[in-house]
Amino acid sequence: MGWNAWLSRFGRPTPKDAVSGFVAGLFSIPEGMAYAKLAGFNPVMGIYTGIVPTIVGSMFARTVLMVTTLTSAIALSSQSALTQAGLDPADQNQLATLVLMTGLVMLLFGVLRMGAAMSFVSNAVMTGFSVGIALQIITGSLGDATGYDSDVHNKLGQLLDTILNAGSWVPSAVGVAMATVAIWAICRSIRPLTAVAILVAMLAMTAVVGVAGPDVELAGDIAQIPAGLPAPVLPDLSVASDLVVGSVSIALVALAQAASISTAMPNPDGSRTSMNGDFGAQGAASIAGSLFQALPAGGSMSRTGVAAGAGATTRWAGIFAGVWLGLIVLTVGRYAELIPMPVIGALIVVIGAELLWERKTDIVLVLRTSWLSSLAMVVTFLATTQIPLQNAIVLGAVLSLLLYCTQAARQGRLTALVRDPDGGWRDVDPPRRIAPNTVTVLNYTGVSFFAEIYRLAEQWPDTSDARDAVIVLRLRALPDIASSALLKTLERYDSDLEQLGSRLLLVGVHPQFIRVLQRSGFAERLGEDGVFEERDTHFAAVEAAYAAAEEWLRRGPRESA
């Protein structure tokens, strides 16, 4: 794409873009701090992730309204990756290496056009993962919201321990947290304030605490927020080899989360979105952010929703969000130290609860789909709460693959085609045995996945008595390239028939599959009229093959040989 063509994608910024960018930028302060704090990082880094990465991501994203920044799942995945590698989350240089490598993985996925691979991540697995993340969000924030710090490491146990020790909660922290939730709920019920309910609740309770002065922990007690932009930092490449698996895991989480944004937020100008283009944009955002004390960044549904709800119309909204946030940090950033931690904790609980509520339909759908999908969802959920998050991600990917393989294997189906009185063809159950001196038309549908072959073998008729017979096998539904397992199976069936003086004909075959048959030598073995290419007219290839089979029988198999 040329320079002018790239610039033309920006369009003209509108006042709505400036306003929505300001709202999204402000929203990034509490949410960014909350997510960073949740994962044990300096809360300031959550704010920094909303500046440079957001600007760069919005410049290159093909989903023009997508806001690229820190999400809860990315923050938790990052903390897990560093811990698993035995590295210090407080080491800026090591963290910059993780962010850089995550960005490079995202960029590589985009270059390799692996967007389609995200569609293979099972909805059941993503649902279990999202619910587990939501539980981690809620559990991780209860300490700030209640003033009680549980020493239980297991997330489910930590939640139970906090509830059972309600008598140890700090009243002032609980009061501030409950008031924050109350203000949020009131704002959510007022339509003009719905999109900024979290922001209003944060500002209002910060002012109340500042005036009333209850004894609660403030953001400034955890980390000093400098009134300036983030200073450049260089990655420590000596730890790169320790972070390979972690960076891939974070990238998978970020890209899987962002994959749904292009569907939920179509481009207002009608232009096409591109998942691969969005992959590259998120990669560029993280690479740029690694130099400016940011955490890994990905498409954020919550921040994108805030910007869209405030009237965003072009990619300038995301650019403005980063610019406004930078200006806020530069001018009044120190005031963010006054935000009470119970307020941040309460808002995280709200965010986690909203995530759970949004997933209720998916949970019910998965439970009603199949026991296998339900099991995958439950296993992923438990893994997300019980083991390091990056291991849970890998487990989820494996479960998605197993679910796909299982579903693909079930697609293989063998039927018989018989003539109707009007001369057409219809599907019936395949015969159990192939009679001698007959032409039998079988129809195989599937995706040619190797796991299907056992189903084909289960349904294949008994050919022990099929002397001087012909089986016409229609393979029209197969994809361009078949598995070697299918070829071996067809060769075995052809060999069995040949020993009985019978034949196997392949019908309705894709041209690409014919080339596979030719390269394997199987086409030559079937004979000159053994393969019939797919034709435009429905069942035309079947008619041609059936006529050839009848002619072969009329001439006599031995004479034809």
Protein backbone atom coordinates (compact mmCIF):
# COMPACT_ATOMS: atom_id res chain seq x y z
CA MET A 1 0.00 0.00 0.00
CA GLY A 2 1.41 3.41 -1.01
CA TRP A 3 1.96 6.32 1.38
CA ASN A 4 -0.93 8.36 -0.03
CA ALA A 5 -3.27 5.38 0.04
CA TRP A 6 -2.36 4.72 3.67
CA LEU A 7 -2.97 8.35 4.63
CA SER A 8 -6.30 8.32 2.82
CA ARG A 9 -7.56 5.66 5.22
CA PHE A 10 -7.46 8.16 8.08
CA GLY A 11 -10.22 10.40 6.77
CA ARG A 12 -10.95 13.70 8.41
CA PRO A 13 -11.14 13.93 12.22
CA THR A 14 -14.50 15.14 13.51
CA PRO A 15 -15.49 16.87 16.76
CA LYS A 16 -17.17 13.62 17.79
CA ASP A 17 -13.85 11.81 17.39
CA ALA A 18 -12.13 14.37 19.63
CA VAL A 19 -14.83 14.08 22.30
CA SER A 20 -15.02 10.27 22.20
CA GLY A 21 -11.22 10.11 22.29
CA PHE A 22 -11.22 12.31 25.41
CA VAL A 23 -13.76 10.05 27.11
CA ALA A 24 -11.83 6.90 26.17
CA GLY A 25 -8.58 8.51 27.32
CA LEU A 26 -10.04 9.41 30.71
CA PHE A 27 -11.53 5.93 31.03
CA SER A 28 -8.05 4.48 30.49
CA ILE A 29 -6.87 5.96 33.79
CA PRO A 30 -8.98 3.90 36.22
CA GLU A 31 -9.24 0.81 34.02
CA GLY A 32 -5.56 0.82 33.03
CA MET A 33 -4.44 1.29 36.63
CA ALA A 34 -6.86 -1.37 37.82
CA TYR A 35 -5.71 -4.01 35.35
CA ALA A 36 -2.01 -3.34 35.98
CA LYS A 37 -2.52 -3.41 39.75
CA LEU A 38 -4.58 -6.60 39.44
CA ALA A 39 -1.62 -8.41 37.86
CA GLY A 40 0.93 -7.02 40.31
CA PHE A 41 2.45 -4.40 38.02
CA ASN A 42 3.01 -0.73 38.75
CA PRO A 43 -0.45 0.83 38.15
CA VAL A 44 1.20 3.64 36.16
CA MET A 45 2.13 1.13 33.44
CA GLY A 46 -1.57 0.52 32.84
CA ILE A 47 -1.91 4.23 32.05
CA TYR A 48 1.18 4.24 29.84
CA THR A 49 -0.24 1.34 27.81
CA GLY A 50 -3.07 3.66 26.80
CA ILE A 51 -0.77 6.25 25.22
CA VAL A 52 1.77 5.10 22.60
CA PRO A 53 0.26 1.64 21.93
CA THR A 54 -3.22 3.13 21.53
CA ILE A 55 -2.01 5.75 19.07
CA VAL A 56 0.02 3.26 16.99
CA GLY A 57 -2.70 0.60 17.07
CA SER A 58 -5.35 3.05 15.86
CA MET A 59 -3.08 4.26 13.07
CA PHE A 60 -2.71 0.79 11.54
CA ALA A 61 -5.84 -1.17 12.58
CA ARG A 62 -8.15 -2.31 9.79
CA THR A 63 -11.05 -2.22 12.27
CA VAL A 64 -11.05 1.55 12.50
CA LEU A 65 -12.83 1.92 15.85
CA MET A 66 -10.75 -0.70 17.66
CA VAL A 67 -8.88 0.75 20.65
CA THR A 68 -5.63 -1.09 21.35
CA THR A 69 -4.54 -1.06 24.99
CA LEU A 70 -4.22 -3.19 28.12
CA THR A 71 -6.92 -5.72 28.99
CA SER A 72 -7.38 -7.79 32.13
CA ALA A 73 -6.54 -11.07 30.38
CA ILE A 74 -3.38 -9.60 28.85
CA ALA A 75 -2.26 -8.20 32.20
CA LEU A 76 -2.80 -11.53 34.00
CA SER A 77 -1.17 -13.48 31.16
CA SER A 78 1.85 -11.17 31.28
CA GLN A 79 2.26 -11.62 35.02
CA SER A 80 1.95 -15.40 34.65
CA ALA A 81 4.53 -15.49 31.82
CA LEU A 82 7.10 -13.56 33.85
CA THR A 83 6.51 -15.60 36.99
CA GLN A 84 6.75 -18.88 35.08
CA ALA A 85 10.05 -17.74 33.56
CA GLY A 86 11.38 -16.83 37.01
CA LEU A 87 11.72 -13.13 36.13
CA ASP A 88 10.92 -10.02 38.13
CA PRO A 89 7.74 -8.17 37.01
CA ALA A 90 9.24 -4.99 38.47
CA ASP A 91 12.31 -5.14 36.18
CA GLN A 92 11.49 -2.62 33.44
CA ASN A 93 14.04 -4.00 30.98
CA GLN A 94 12.89 -7.61 31.30
CA LEU A 95 9.27 -6.54 31.04
CA ALA A 96 10.10 -4.51 27.93
CA THR A 97 11.53 -7.69 26.40
CA LEU A 98 8.26 -9.54 27.03
CA VAL A 99 6.26 -6.70 25.47
CA LEU A 100 8.59 -6.56 22.45
CA MET A 101 8.47 -10.31 21.85
CA THR A 102 4.69 -10.39 22.23
CA GLY A 103 4.43 -7.64 19.61
CA LEU A 104 6.75 -9.52 17.25
CA VAL A 105 4.63 -12.69 17.60
CA MET A 106 1.47 -10.71 16.83
CA LEU A 107 3.14 -9.10 13.83
CA LEU A 108 4.33 -12.49 12.59
CA PHE A 109 0.82 -13.93 12.91
CA GLY A 110 -0.46 -11.06 10.78
CA VAL A 111 2.24 -11.49 8.12
CA LEU A 112 1.56 -15.24 7.96
CA ARG A 113 -2.16 -14.47 7.61
CA MET A 114 -3.15 -16.62 10.55
CA GLY A 115 -6.36 -14.73 11.23
CA ALA A 116 -8.37 -17.73 10.07
CA ALA A 117 -6.73 -19.82 12.80
CA MET A 118 -8.61 -17.82 15.44
CA SER A 119 -11.85 -19.30 14.16
CA PHE A 120 -10.62 -22.70 15.36
CA VAL A 121 -10.56 -21.50 18.97
CA SER A 122 -13.66 -23.18 20.34
CA ASN A 123 -16.42 -20.98 21.75
CA ALA A 124 -16.64 -23.43 24.65
CA VAL A 125 -12.95 -22.96 25.43
CA MET A 126 -13.14 -19.17 25.09
CA THR A 127 -16.20 -19.11 27.34
CA GLY A 128 -14.45 -21.15 30.03
CA PHE A 129 -11.35 -18.98 29.70
CA SER A 130 -13.36 -15.73 29.91
CA VAL A 131 -15.30 -16.90 32.96
CA GLY A 132 -12.06 -17.95 34.64
CA ILE A 133 -10.50 -14.57 33.86
CA ALA A 134 -13.59 -12.84 35.25
CA LEU A 135 -13.25 -14.80 38.47
CA GLN A 136 -9.57 -13.86 38.66
CA ILE A 137 -10.51 -10.20 38.12
CA ILE A 138 -13.06 -10.27 40.94
CA THR A 139 -10.89 -12.29 43.33
CA GLY A 140 -7.80 -10.20 42.65
CA SER A 141 -9.61 -6.98 43.52
CA LEU A 142 -11.38 -8.09 46.69
CA GLY A 143 -8.34 -7.21 48.78
CA ASP A 144 -8.57 -3.54 47.73
CA ALA A 145 -12.36 -3.48 48.00
CA THR A 146 -12.53 -5.08 51.46
CA GLY A 147 -9.15 -4.33 53.02
CA TYR A 148 -8.70 -8.08 53.70
CA ASP A 149 -5.71 -9.77 52.03
CA SER A 150 -6.18 -13.51 51.73
CA ASP A 151 -3.03 -15.64 51.87
CA VAL A 152 -4.66 -18.44 49.82
CA HIS A 153 -3.06 -18.72 46.38
CA ASN A 154 -5.77 -20.76 44.69
CA LYS A 155 -8.28 -18.33 43.18
CA LEU A 156 -11.38 -20.31 44.09
CA GLY A 157 -9.99 -20.84 47.58
CA GLN A 158 -9.08 -17.17 47.82
CA LEU A 159 -12.63 -16.15 46.97
CA LEU A 160 -14.07 -18.54 49.55
CA ASP A 161 -11.54 -17.45 52.19
CA THR A 162 -12.39 -13.78 51.67
CA ILE A 163 -16.12 -14.44 51.99
CA LEU A 164 -15.72 -16.60 55.11
CA ASN A 165 -13.59 -13.92 56.78
CA ALA A 166 -16.02 -11.06 56.26
CA GLY A 167 -15.57 -10.16 59.91
CA SER A 168 -11.99 -9.12 59.13
CA TRP A 169 -12.97 -6.68 56.41
CA VAL A 170 -12.00 -3.03 56.97
CA PRO A 171 -15.23 -1.00 57.38
CA SER A 172 -13.86 2.18 55.79
CA ALA A 173 -12.66 0.30 52.69
CA VAL A 174 -15.94 -1.60 52.38
CA GLY A 175 -17.95 1.62 52.77
CA VAL A 176 -16.01 3.40 50.03
CA ALA A 177 -16.27 0.37 47.74
CA MET A 178 -20.04 0.02 48.27
CA ALA A 179 -20.59 3.73 47.66
CA THR A 180 -18.57 3.46 44.44
CA VAL A 181 -20.72 0.59 43.20
CA ALA A 182 -23.87 2.53 44.13
CA ILE A 183 -22.78 5.58 42.13
CA TRP A 184 -21.85 3.35 39.20
CA ALA A 185 -25.26 1.66 39.28
CA ILE A 186 -27.08 5.04 39.33
CA CYS A 187 -25.02 6.32 36.40
CA ARG A 188 -25.64 3.10 34.45
CA SER A 189 -29.39 3.72 34.74
CA ILE A 190 -29.05 7.23 33.24
CA ARG A 191 -28.68 6.86 29.46
CA PRO A 192 -26.30 9.80 28.82
CA LEU A 193 -23.99 8.53 31.58
CA THR A 194 -24.07 4.82 30.75
CA ALA A 195 -20.85 4.79 28.73
CA VAL A 196 -18.91 6.76 31.35
CA ALA A 197 -20.45 5.30 34.50
CA ILE A 198 -17.13 3.87 35.70
CA LEU A 199 -15.33 7.17 35.08
CA VAL A 200 -18.00 9.21 36.91
CA ALA A 201 -17.99 6.81 39.87
CA MET A 202 -14.21 7.06 40.13
CA LEU A 203 -14.13 10.87 40.01
CA ALA A 204 -17.06 11.31 42.39
CA MET A 205 -15.76 8.96 45.07
CA THR A 206 -12.24 10.35 44.78
CA ALA A 207 -13.69 13.79 45.55
CA VAL A 208 -15.80 12.43 48.42
CA VAL A 209 -12.84 10.65 50.01
CA GLY A 210 -10.69 13.74 49.54
CA VAL A 211 -13.26 15.87 51.40
CA ALA A 212 -14.50 13.40 54.02
CA GLY A 213 -11.08 11.91 54.60
CA PRO A 214 -11.78 8.25 55.57
CA ASP A 215 -8.64 6.25 56.31
CA VAL A 216 -8.21 4.22 53.13
CA GLU A 217 -5.25 3.38 50.91
CA LEU A 218 -4.65 5.68 47.93
CA ALA A 219 -3.06 4.98 44.57
CA GLY A 220 -0.16 7.20 45.59
CA ASP A 221 0.58 4.85 48.49
CA ILE A 222 1.35 2.11 45.96
CA ALA A 223 3.16 4.00 43.23
CA GLN A 224 4.12 7.57 42.46
CA ILE A 225 2.52 8.83 39.27
CA PRO A 226 4.95 11.19 37.56
CA ALA A 227 3.60 14.33 35.92
CA GLY A 228 5.29 13.49 32.66
CA LEU A 229 5.36 11.10 29.75
CA PRO A 230 7.01 7.69 30.11
CA ALA A 231 10.78 7.67 29.74
CA PRO A 232 12.25 5.38 27.06
CA VAL A 233 13.45 1.96 28.21
CA LEU A 234 15.47 -0.67 26.33
CA PRO A 235 14.63 -4.41 26.37
CA ASP A 236 16.96 -6.86 28.07
CA LEU A 237 17.46 -9.34 25.23
CA SER A 238 19.43 -11.75 27.44
CA VAL A 239 16.12 -13.10 28.81
CA ALA A 240 14.42 -13.41 25.41
CA SER A 241 14.80 -17.20 25.25
CA ASP A 242 13.02 -17.53 28.60
CA LEU A 243 9.99 -15.63 27.33
CA VAL A 244 9.28 -17.34 24.01
CA VAL A 245 6.42 -19.52 25.27
CA GLY A 246 5.02 -16.73 27.41
CA SER A 247 4.99 -14.21 24.57
CA VAL A 248 3.17 -16.65 22.27
CA SER A 249 0.59 -17.32 25.00
CA ILE A 250 -0.03 -13.61 25.58
CA ALA A 251 -0.32 -13.01 21.85
CA LEU A 252 -2.89 -15.79 21.51
CA VAL A 253 -4.96 -14.36 24.34
CA ALA A 254 -4.80 -10.82 22.97
CA LEU A 255 -5.58 -11.80 19.38
CA ALA A 256 -8.42 -14.12 20.40
CA GLN A 257 -9.99 -11.31 22.42
CA ALA A 258 -9.61 -8.81 19.61
CA ALA A 259 -10.91 -11.16 16.92
CA SER A 260 -14.49 -10.53 18.01
CA ILE A 261 -14.19 -6.74 17.80
CA SER A 262 -14.20 -6.56 14.00
CA THR A 263 -17.52 -8.41 13.97
CA ALA A 264 -19.05 -6.37 16.76
CA MET A 265 -17.77 -3.02 15.45
CA PRO A 266 -18.07 -2.83 11.63
CA ASN A 267 -16.31 0.10 10.02
CA PRO A 268 -18.61 3.16 9.83
CA ASP A 269 -17.27 4.02 6.37
CA GLY A 270 -18.21 0.61 5.01
CA SER A 271 -14.61 -0.45 4.36
CA ARG A 272 -13.60 -4.03 4.95
CA THR A 273 -12.03 -5.13 8.18
CA SER A 274 -9.13 -7.57 8.19
CA MET A 275 -8.22 -9.78 11.12
CA ASN A 276 -4.71 -10.19 9.74
CA GLY A 277 -4.37 -6.43 9.43
CA ASP A 278 -5.56 -6.04 13.02
CA PHE A 279 -2.98 -8.63 14.11
CA GLY A 280 -0.24 -6.53 12.55
CA ALA A 281 -1.60 -3.32 14.12
CA GLN A 282 -1.63 -4.84 17.60
CA GLY A 283 1.88 -6.15 17.04
CA ALA A 284 3.12 -2.70 16.00
CA ALA A 285 1.38 -1.20 19.05
CA SER A 286 3.13 -3.56 21.48
CA ILE A 287 6.50 -3.15 19.77
CA ALA A 288 6.24 0.63 20.07
CA GLY A 289 4.94 0.39 23.64
CA SER A 290 7.87 -1.80 24.71
CA LEU A 291 10.12 1.25 24.41
CA PHE A 292 7.89 3.42 26.62
CA GLN A 293 7.16 1.39 29.76
CA ALA A 294 3.93 -0.10 28.45
CA LEU A 295 2.51 -3.56 29.02
CA PRO A 296 1.47 -5.79 26.07
CA ALA A 297 -1.49 -4.29 24.21
CA GLY A 298 -4.39 -5.77 22.32
CA GLY A 299 -7.83 -4.82 21.11
CA SER A 300 -10.01 -3.88 24.08
CA MET A 301 -13.74 -4.45 23.75
CA SER A 302 -14.52 -2.28 26.79
CA ARG A 303 -12.43 0.69 25.62
CA THR A 304 -13.69 0.27 22.04
CA GLY A 305 -17.26 0.22 23.35
CA VAL A 306 -16.66 3.39 25.37
CA ALA A 307 -15.28 5.21 22.31
CA ALA A 308 -18.10 4.01 20.05
CA GLY A 309 -20.73 4.86 22.65
CA ALA A 310 -19.32 8.39 22.90
CA GLY A 311 -19.73 8.93 19.14
CA ALA A 312 -16.48 7.75 17.50
CA THR A 313 -16.69 7.74 13.69
CA THR A 314 -13.11 7.23 12.46
CA ARG A 315 -9.75 5.86 13.60
CA TRP A 316 -8.98 9.37 14.82
CA ALA A 317 -11.00 8.57 17.96
CA GLY A 318 -8.38 6.03 19.06
CA ILE A 319 -5.54 8.36 18.12
CA PHE A 320 -7.16 11.16 20.12
CA ALA A 321 -7.62 8.78 23.07
CA GLY A 322 -3.88 8.21 23.27
CA VAL A 323 -3.04 11.88 22.72
CA TRP A 324 -5.55 13.11 25.31
CA LEU A 325 -4.30 10.58 27.86
CA GLY A 326 -0.73 11.71 27.26
CA LEU A 327 -1.73 15.33 27.80
CA ILE A 328 -3.66 14.44 30.97
CA VAL A 329 -0.66 12.57 32.38
CA LEU A 330 1.64 15.42 31.40
CA THR A 331 -0.44 18.14 33.02
CA VAL A 332 -2.45 16.69 35.91
CA GLY A 333 -1.12 13.14 36.20
CA ARG A 334 -0.08 13.56 39.82
CA TYR A 335 -3.73 13.97 40.83
CA ALA A 336 -4.31 10.31 39.91
CA GLU A 337 -2.41 9.46 43.10
CA LEU A 338 -5.48 10.64 45.03
CA ILE A 339 -7.68 7.85 43.67
CA PRO A 340 -8.62 5.54 46.61
CA MET A 341 -7.67 1.89 46.11
CA PRO A 342 -11.10 0.68 47.38
CA VAL A 343 -12.58 2.68 44.49
CA ILE A 344 -10.32 0.92 42.00
CA GLY A 345 -11.04 -2.44 43.67
CA ALA A 346 -14.79 -1.86 43.50
CA LEU A 347 -14.60 -0.87 39.83
CA ILE A 348 -12.63 -4.01 39.01
CA VAL A 349 -15.30 -6.10 40.74
CA VAL A 350 -17.88 -4.32 38.59
CA ILE A 351 -15.87 -5.01 35.42
CA GLY A 352 -15.48 -8.68 36.36
CA ALA A 353 -19.16 -9.00 37.18
CA GLU A 354 -20.11 -7.40 33.87
CA LEU A 355 -17.87 -9.84 32.04
CA LEU A 356 -19.57 -12.75 33.80
CA TRP A 357 -23.01 -11.35 33.02
CA GLU A 358 -22.14 -10.90 29.36
CA ARG A 359 -21.08 -14.55 29.18
CA LYS A 360 -24.26 -16.00 30.67
CA THR A 361 -25.81 -16.61 27.24
CA ASP A 362 -22.65 -18.31 26.00
CA ILE A 363 -22.52 -20.51 29.12
CA VAL A 364 -26.11 -21.67 28.62
CA LEU A 365 -25.51 -22.23 24.90
CA VAL A 366 -22.43 -24.37 25.53
CA LEU A 367 -24.25 -26.42 28.18
CA ARG A 368 -27.08 -27.08 25.74
CA THR A 369 -24.81 -27.92 22.81
CA SER A 370 -23.08 -31.13 23.90
CA TRP A 371 -21.48 -32.77 26.90
CA LEU A 372 -18.09 -32.59 25.17
CA SER A 373 -18.29 -28.82 24.72
CA SER A 374 -19.51 -28.46 28.30
CA LEU A 375 -16.56 -30.52 29.54
CA ALA A 376 -14.11 -28.38 27.55
CA MET A 377 -15.62 -25.21 29.03
CA VAL A 378 -15.44 -26.51 32.61
CA VAL A 379 -11.88 -27.84 32.20
CA THR A 380 -10.69 -24.53 30.74
CA PHE A 381 -12.39 -22.61 33.54
CA LEU A 382 -10.79 -24.75 36.24
CA ALA A 383 -7.40 -24.56 34.53
CA THR A 384 -7.61 -20.76 34.37
CA THR A 385 -8.20 -20.62 38.12
CA GLN A 386 -5.87 -23.43 39.22
CA ILE A 387 -2.69 -23.36 37.10
CA PRO A 388 -0.44 -20.65 35.65
CA LEU A 389 -2.41 -18.72 33.08
CA GLN A 390 -0.04 -19.35 30.18
CA ASN A 391 -0.38 -23.11 30.79
CA ALA A 392 -4.16 -22.69 30.82
CA ILE A 393 -3.91 -20.92 27.47
CA VAL A 394 -1.95 -23.80 25.96
CA LEU A 395 -4.43 -26.27 27.44
CA GLY A 396 -7.30 -24.27 25.93
CA ALA A 397 -5.64 -24.33 22.51
CA VAL A 398 -5.20 -28.12 22.74
CA LEU A 399 -8.83 -28.56 23.81
CA SER A 400 -9.96 -26.42 20.87
CA LEU A 401 -7.95 -28.62 18.52
CA LEU A 402 -9.42 -31.78 20.04
CA LEU A 403 -12.95 -30.41 19.75
CA TYR A 404 -12.36 -29.50 16.12
CA CYS A 405 -10.90 -32.92 15.35
CA THR A 406 -13.83 -34.63 17.05
CA GLN A 407 -16.40 -32.54 15.20
CA ALA A 408 -14.55 -32.98 11.91
CA ALA A 409 -14.41 -36.74 12.39
CA ARG A 410 -18.17 -36.82 12.88
CA GLN A 411 -18.73 -35.12 9.54
CA GLY A 412 -17.68 -38.17 7.56
CA ARG A 413 -20.79 -39.91 6.23
CA LEU A 414 -21.32 -42.59 3.62
CA THR A 415 -24.65 -43.00 1.82
CA ALA A 416 -25.86 -44.73 -1.31
CA LEU A 417 -27.33 -42.95 -4.34
CA VAL A 418 -30.26 -44.71 -6.03
CA ARG A 419 -32.36 -43.66 -9.00
CA ASP A 420 -35.81 -42.21 -8.54
CA PRO A 421 -38.59 -43.22 -10.94
CA ASP A 422 -38.19 -39.81 -12.62
CA GLY A 423 -34.50 -40.50 -13.29
CA GLY A 424 -33.07 -38.40 -10.47
CA TRP A 425 -30.86 -39.52 -7.61
CA ARG A 426 -31.60 -39.67 -3.90
CA ASP A 427 -29.65 -40.57 -0.75
CA VAL A 428 -30.38 -43.80 1.12
CA ASP A 429 -28.49 -45.85 3.68
CA PRO A 430 -25.56 -47.73 2.13
CA PRO A 431 -26.04 -51.48 1.52
CA ARG A 432 -24.45 -53.87 3.97
CA ARG A 433 -23.09 -56.06 1.17
CA ILE A 434 -22.19 -55.46 -2.46
CA ALA A 435 -23.81 -58.02 -4.72
CA PRO A 436 -21.89 -59.46 -7.70
CA ASN A 437 -22.42 -58.06 -11.21
CA THR A 438 -23.90 -54.79 -9.92
CA VAL A 439 -23.11 -51.10 -10.06
CA THR A 440 -23.37 -49.42 -6.65
CA VAL A 441 -23.13 -45.66 -6.29
CA LEU A 442 -21.85 -44.48 -2.90
CA ASN A 443 -21.69 -40.86 -1.80
CA TYR A 444 -19.05 -39.76 0.75
CA THR A 445 -19.32 -36.36 2.43
CA GLY A 446 -16.77 -34.98 4.85
CA VAL A 447 -13.69 -32.79 5.08
CA SER A 448 -11.11 -35.52 4.36
CA PHE A 449 -9.68 -35.20 7.86
CA PHE A 450 -7.67 -38.28 8.85
CA ALA A 451 -9.86 -38.82 11.93
CA GLU A 452 -12.86 -39.43 9.64
CA ILE A 453 -11.39 -42.55 8.12
CA TYR A 454 -12.57 -44.87 10.88
CA ARG A 455 -16.15 -43.74 10.20
CA LEU A 456 -15.73 -44.47 6.50
CA ALA A 457 -14.42 -47.93 7.39
CA GLU A 458 -17.39 -48.51 9.72
CA GLN A 459 -19.90 -47.67 6.99
CA TRP A 460 -18.14 -49.26 4.00
CA PRO A 461 -20.16 -52.22 2.65
CA ASP A 462 -18.90 -55.80 2.83
CA THR A 463 -17.31 -56.57 -0.56
CA SER A 464 -16.37 -60.22 0.05
CA ASP A 465 -19.00 -61.40 -2.50
CA ALA A 466 -18.65 -58.45 -4.89
CA ARG A 467 -17.32 -60.36 -7.92
CA ASP A 468 -17.42 -58.58 -11.27
CA ALA A 469 -18.99 -55.50 -9.63
CA VAL A 470 -18.35 -51.78 -9.77
CA ILE A 471 -18.44 -49.27 -6.90
CA VAL A 472 -18.83 -45.67 -8.00
CA LEU A 473 -17.66 -43.48 -5.12
CA ARG A 474 -18.70 -39.83 -5.26
CA LEU A 475 -16.27 -37.49 -3.45
CA ARG A 476 -17.67 -34.13 -4.51
CA ALA A 477 -17.80 -32.67 -0.96
CA LEU A 478 -14.09 -33.17 -0.29
CA PRO A 479 -11.74 -30.16 -0.12
CA ASP A 480 -8.89 -29.51 -2.50
CA ILE A 481 -6.30 -31.64 -0.72
CA ALA A 482 -7.09 -34.99 0.88
CA SER A 483 -5.26 -36.65 3.74
CA SER A 484 -2.79 -39.45 3.06
CA ALA A 485 -4.92 -41.65 5.32
CA LEU A 486 -7.84 -41.32 2.91
CA LEU A 487 -5.65 -42.23 -0.07
CA LYS A 488 -4.34 -45.32 1.72
CA THR A 489 -7.91 -46.35 2.56
CA LEU A 490 -9.08 -45.93 -1.04
CA GLU A 491 -6.08 -47.89 -2.31
CA ARG A 492 -6.96 -50.74 0.05
CA TYR A 493 -10.58 -50.80 -1.11
CA ASP A 494 -9.47 -50.76 -4.75
CA SER A 495 -7.04 -53.63 -4.12
CA ASP A 496 -9.76 -55.73 -2.45
CA LEU A 497 -12.11 -55.14 -5.39
CA GLU A 498 -9.41 -55.86 -7.96
CA GLN A 499 -8.79 -59.28 -6.43
CA LEU A 500 -12.47 -60.04 -7.02
CA GLY A 501 -12.38 -58.84 -10.63
CA SER A 502 -14.22 -55.66 -9.67
CA ARG A 503 -13.52 -51.94 -9.98
CA LEU A 504 -13.59 -48.72 -8.00
CA LEU A 505 -14.44 -45.46 -9.80
CA LEU A 506 -14.02 -42.02 -8.24
CA VAL A 507 -16.59 -39.41 -9.24
CA GLY A 508 -17.10 -35.66 -8.85
CA VAL A 509 -13.47 -35.11 -7.88
CA HIS A 510 -12.01 -31.60 -7.56
CA PRO A 511 -9.21 -30.79 -10.06
CA GLN A 512 -6.78 -30.22 -7.18
CA PHE A 513 -7.60 -33.64 -5.76
CA ILE A 514 -7.05 -35.19 -9.18
CA ARG A 515 -3.50 -33.79 -9.15
CA VAL A 516 -2.97 -35.40 -5.75
CA LEU A 517 -4.20 -38.73 -7.17
CA GLN A 518 -1.84 -38.35 -10.12
CA ARG A 519 1.17 -37.53 -7.97
CA SER A 520 0.47 -40.52 -5.73
CA GLY A 521 0.11 -42.86 -8.73
CA PHE A 522 -3.38 -43.87 -7.65
CA ALA A 523 -5.04 -42.27 -10.70
CA GLU A 524 -2.97 -44.48 -13.03
CA ARG A 525 -3.94 -47.53 -11.01
CA LEU A 526 -7.65 -46.73 -11.34
CA GLY A 527 -7.30 -46.61 -15.11
CA GLU A 528 -8.00 -44.11 -17.85
CA ASP A 529 -11.72 -43.90 -17.06
CA GLY A 530 -11.31 -44.44 -13.32
CA VAL A 531 -11.60 -40.79 -12.25
CA PHE A 532 -14.43 -38.44 -13.27
CA GLU A 533 -13.87 -34.76 -12.63
CA GLU A 534 -16.49 -32.58 -11.00
CA ARG A 535 -18.90 -31.03 -13.51
CA ASP A 536 -21.09 -27.94 -13.41
CA THR A 537 -24.34 -29.86 -13.83
CA HIS A 538 -25.54 -31.58 -10.68
CA PHE A 539 -24.95 -35.38 -10.82
CA ALA A 540 -23.54 -35.11 -14.36
CA ALA A 541 -20.33 -36.81 -13.27
CA VAL A 542 -22.34 -39.55 -11.53
CA GLU A 543 -24.34 -40.17 -14.70
CA ALA A 544 -21.15 -40.43 -16.77
CA ALA A 545 -19.47 -42.77 -14.31
CA TYR A 546 -22.60 -44.92 -13.98
CA ALA A 547 -22.82 -45.29 -17.78
CA ALA A 548 -19.11 -46.22 -17.94
CA ALA A 549 -19.58 -48.79 -15.17
CA GLU A 550 -22.53 -50.42 -16.94
CA GLU A 551 -20.57 -50.53 -20.20
CA TRP A 552 -17.65 -52.16 -18.38
CA LEU A 553 -19.98 -54.82 -17.02
CA ARG A 554 -21.60 -55.40 -20.44
CA ARG A 555 -18.20 -55.95 -22.06
CA GLY A 556 -17.26 -58.26 -19.23
CA PRO A 557 -14.58 -57.47 -16.68
CA ARG A 558 -12.05 -59.96 -18.09
CA GLU A 559 -12.59 -58.72 -21.66
CA SER A 560 -12.23 -55.11 -20.47
CA ALA A 561 -9.01 -56.03 -18.67
